[in-house]
Amino acid sequence: MFIKEKDHSLRNTLIKLIFFALIVLAVVTGVKAYDRSSVERGRKIVNDSVIRAAVQCYALEGRYPADVEYLRSHYGLSANEEKYTIHYQFIGDNIMPDVTVTLRTQP
């Protein structure tokens, strides 16, 4: 009878450990997914900010700016340059520039 109780105790302990490991795995997976979505939201916010500043420049000056530096100096555009790279392709004074923001890779 003592052996059966020990077997049940061992089995219950293993079940609890497996359940705990599954919970930890679910939490870690959730945190990683949240982190990825947070990074993507940050990238989109920077992208939208550049576009909004360019459109504001067009509305006020009648032309799109030739580069991002103009937006920084005249329209207060700021972005974390250590975290994001802004690709700004000027096409013409009256044509919306092509804007792409990418996440810099960490060394």
C-alpha atoms as a PDB file:
ATOM      1  CA  MET A   1       0.000   0.000   0.000  1.00  0.00           C
ATOM      2  CA  PHE A   2       2.877   2.379   0.745  1.00  0.00           C
ATOM      3  CA  ILE A   3       4.318   1.817  -2.757  1.00  0.00           C
ATOM      4  CA  LYS A   4       1.010   2.747  -4.459  1.00  0.00           C
ATOM      5  CA  GLU A   5       0.767   5.967  -2.468  1.00  0.00           C
ATOM      6  CA  LYS A   6       4.355   6.807  -3.448  1.00  0.00           C
ATOM      7  CA  ASP A   7       3.568   6.125  -7.129  1.00  0.00           C
ATOM      8  CA  HIS A   8       0.512   8.405  -6.958  1.00  0.00           C
ATOM      9  CA  SER A   9       2.542  11.081  -5.207  1.00  0.00           C
ATOM     10  CA  LEU A  10       5.252  10.882  -7.866  1.00  0.00           C
ATOM     11  CA  ARG A  11       2.691  10.991 -10.667  1.00  0.00           C
ATOM     12  CA  ASN A  12       0.903  13.966  -9.078  1.00  0.00           C
ATOM     13  CA  THR A  13       4.223  15.794  -8.710  1.00  0.00           C
ATOM     14  CA  LEU A  14       5.088  15.135 -12.353  1.00  0.00           C
ATOM     15  CA  ILE A  15       1.664  16.330 -13.488  1.00  0.00           C
ATOM     16  CA  LYS A  16       2.066  19.517 -11.447  1.00  0.00           C
ATOM     17  CA  LEU A  17       5.550  20.107 -12.875  1.00  0.00           C
ATOM     18  CA  ILE A  18       4.344  19.596 -16.456  1.00  0.00           C
ATOM     19  CA  PHE A  19       1.384  21.912 -15.837  1.00  0.00           C
ATOM     20  CA  PHE A  20       3.697  24.549 -14.353  1.00  0.00           C
ATOM     21  CA  ALA A  21       6.085  24.236 -17.324  1.00  0.00           C
ATOM     22  CA  LEU A  22       3.187  24.702 -19.752  1.00  0.00           C
ATOM     23  CA  ILE A  23       2.066  27.829 -17.906  1.00  0.00           C
ATOM     24  CA  VAL A  24       5.600  29.261 -17.982  1.00  0.00           C
ATOM     25  CA  LEU A  25       5.855  28.463 -21.696  1.00  0.00           C
ATOM     26  CA  ALA A  26       2.519  30.203 -22.378  1.00  0.00           C
ATOM     27  CA  VAL A  27       3.605  33.311 -20.454  1.00  0.00           C
ATOM     28  CA  VAL A  28       6.977  33.499 -22.232  1.00  0.00           C
ATOM     29  CA  THR A  29       5.300  33.071 -25.629  1.00  0.00           C
ATOM     30  CA  GLY A  30       2.789  35.803 -24.788  1.00  0.00           C
ATOM     31  CA  VAL A  31       5.499  38.229 -23.697  1.00  0.00           C
ATOM     32  CA  LYS A  32       7.480  37.630 -26.899  1.00  0.00           C
ATOM     33  CA  ALA A  33       4.371  38.163 -29.037  1.00  0.00           C
ATOM     34  CA  TYR A  34       3.591  41.391 -27.175  1.00  0.00           C
ATOM     35  CA  ASP A  35       7.166  42.590 -27.660  1.00  0.00           C
ATOM     36  CA  ARG A  36       7.007  41.929 -31.420  1.00  0.00           C
ATOM     37  CA  SER A  37       3.706  43.782 -31.747  1.00  0.00           C
ATOM     38  CA  SER A  38       5.083  46.668 -29.676  1.00  0.00           C
ATOM     39  CA  VAL A  39       8.099  46.998 -31.976  1.00  0.00           C
ATOM     40  CA  GLU A  40       5.828  46.954 -35.033  1.00  0.00           C
ATOM     41  CA  ARG A  41       3.571  49.627 -33.513  1.00  0.00           C
ATOM     42  CA  GLY A  42       6.602  51.837 -32.858  1.00  0.00           C
ATOM     43  CA  ARG A  43       7.779  51.423 -36.446  1.00  0.00           C
ATOM     44  CA  LYS A  44       4.312  52.299 -37.759  1.00  0.00           C
ATOM     45  CA  ILE A  45       4.101  55.388 -35.521  1.00  0.00           C
ATOM     46  CA  VAL A  46       7.409  56.688 -36.906  1.00  0.00           C
ATOM     47  CA  ASN A  47       6.289  55.926 -40.477  1.00  0.00           C
ATOM     48  CA  ASP A  48       2.982  57.750 -39.954  1.00  0.00           C
ATOM     49  CA  SER A  49       4.784  60.711 -38.355  1.00  0.00           C
ATOM     50  CA  VAL A  50       7.036  61.148 -41.376  1.00  0.00           C
ATOM     51  CA  ILE A  51       4.082  60.983 -43.762  1.00  0.00           C
ATOM     52  CA  ARG A  52       2.048  63.401 -41.628  1.00  0.00           C
ATOM     53  CA  ALA A  53       4.926  65.909 -41.528  1.00  0.00           C
ATOM     54  CA  ALA A  54       5.418  65.635 -45.304  1.00  0.00           C
ATOM     55  CA  VAL A  55       1.709  66.202 -45.947  1.00  0.00           C
ATOM     56  CA  GLN A  56       1.706  69.160 -43.566  1.00  0.00           C
ATOM     57  CA  CYS A  57       4.660  70.630 -45.473  1.00  0.00           C
ATOM     58  CA  TYR A  58       2.800  70.143 -48.755  1.00  0.00           C
ATOM     59  CA  ALA A  59      -0.325  71.794 -47.348  1.00  0.00           C
ATOM     60  CA  LEU A  60       1.579  74.810 -46.034  1.00  0.00           C
ATOM     61  CA  GLU A  61       4.269  75.250 -48.682  1.00  0.00           C
ATOM     62  CA  GLY A  62       2.710  73.700 -51.783  1.00  0.00           C
ATOM     63  CA  ARG A  63       5.462  71.119 -52.238  1.00  0.00           C
ATOM     64  CA  TYR A  64       6.783  68.001 -50.572  1.00  0.00           C
ATOM     65  CA  PRO A  65      10.176  68.328 -48.867  1.00  0.00           C
ATOM     66  CA  ALA A  66      13.217  66.951 -50.651  1.00  0.00           C
ATOM     67  CA  ASP A  67      14.526  65.080 -47.596  1.00  0.00           C
ATOM     68  CA  VAL A  68      13.822  64.085 -44.013  1.00  0.00           C
ATOM     69  CA  GLU A  69      16.269  66.660 -42.661  1.00  0.00           C
ATOM     70  CA  TYR A  70      13.950  69.425 -43.867  1.00  0.00           C
ATOM     71  CA  LEU A  71      11.109  67.833 -41.900  1.00  0.00           C
ATOM     72  CA  ARG A  72      13.307  67.596 -38.815  1.00  0.00           C
ATOM     73  CA  SER A  73      14.438  71.207 -38.941  1.00  0.00           C
ATOM     74  CA  HIS A  74      11.181  72.878 -40.046  1.00  0.00           C
ATOM     75  CA  TYR A  75       8.410  70.603 -38.788  1.00  0.00           C
ATOM     76  CA  GLY A  76       9.850  69.129 -35.596  1.00  0.00           C
ATOM     77  CA  LEU A  77       9.992  65.550 -36.810  1.00  0.00           C
ATOM     78  CA  SER A  78      11.895  63.371 -34.385  1.00  0.00           C
ATOM     79  CA  ALA A  79      12.541  59.652 -34.321  1.00  0.00           C
ATOM     80  CA  ASN A  80      14.875  57.358 -32.445  1.00  0.00           C
ATOM     81  CA  GLU A  81      17.637  57.096 -35.040  1.00  0.00           C
ATOM     82  CA  GLU A  82      19.392  54.363 -33.081  1.00  0.00           C
ATOM     83  CA  LYS A  83      16.297  52.182 -33.358  1.00  0.00           C
ATOM     84  CA  TYR A  84      14.790  53.105 -36.753  1.00  0.00           C
ATOM     85  CA  THR A  85      16.045  53.857 -40.245  1.00  0.00           C
ATOM     86  CA  ILE A  86      13.885  56.209 -42.319  1.00  0.00           C
ATOM     87  CA  HIS A  87      13.990  55.611 -46.076  1.00  0.00           C
ATOM     88  CA  TYR A  88      12.602  58.729 -47.754  1.00  0.00           C
ATOM     89  CA  GLN A  89      12.503  58.834 -51.533  1.00  0.00           C
ATOM     90  CA  PHE A  90      11.647  62.245 -52.958  1.00  0.00           C
ATOM     91  CA  ILE A  91       9.817  61.860 -56.265  1.00  0.00           C
ATOM     92  CA  GLY A  92       8.732  65.411 -57.065  1.00  0.00           C
ATOM     93  CA  ASP A  93       7.398  68.609 -55.580  1.00  0.00           C
ATOM     94  CA  ASN A  94       3.782  67.584 -56.044  1.00  0.00           C
ATOM     95  CA  ILE A  95       4.088  63.783 -55.739  1.00  0.00           C
ATOM     96  CA  MET A  96       3.893  62.084 -52.339  1.00  0.00           C
ATOM     97  CA  PRO A  97       7.341  60.744 -51.397  1.00  0.00           C
ATOM     98  CA  ASP A  98       7.884  57.047 -50.806  1.00  0.00           C
ATOM     99  CA  VAL A  99       8.417  56.547 -47.059  1.00  0.00           C
ATOM    100  CA  THR A 100       9.574  53.320 -45.445  1.00  0.00           C
ATOM    101  CA  VAL A 101      10.708  52.943 -41.852  1.00  0.00           C
ATOM    102  CA  THR A 102      12.690  49.882 -40.849  1.00  0.00           C
ATOM    103  CA  LEU A 103      13.970  48.634 -37.545  1.00  0.00           C
ATOM    104  CA  ARG A 104      17.745  48.778 -37.214  1.00  0.00           C
ATOM    105  CA  THR A 105      19.378  45.481 -36.409  1.00  0.00           C
ATOM    106  CA  GLN A 106      21.166  45.355 -33.096  1.00  0.00           C
ATOM    107  CA  PRO A 107      24.857  44.305 -33.302  1.00  0.00           C
END
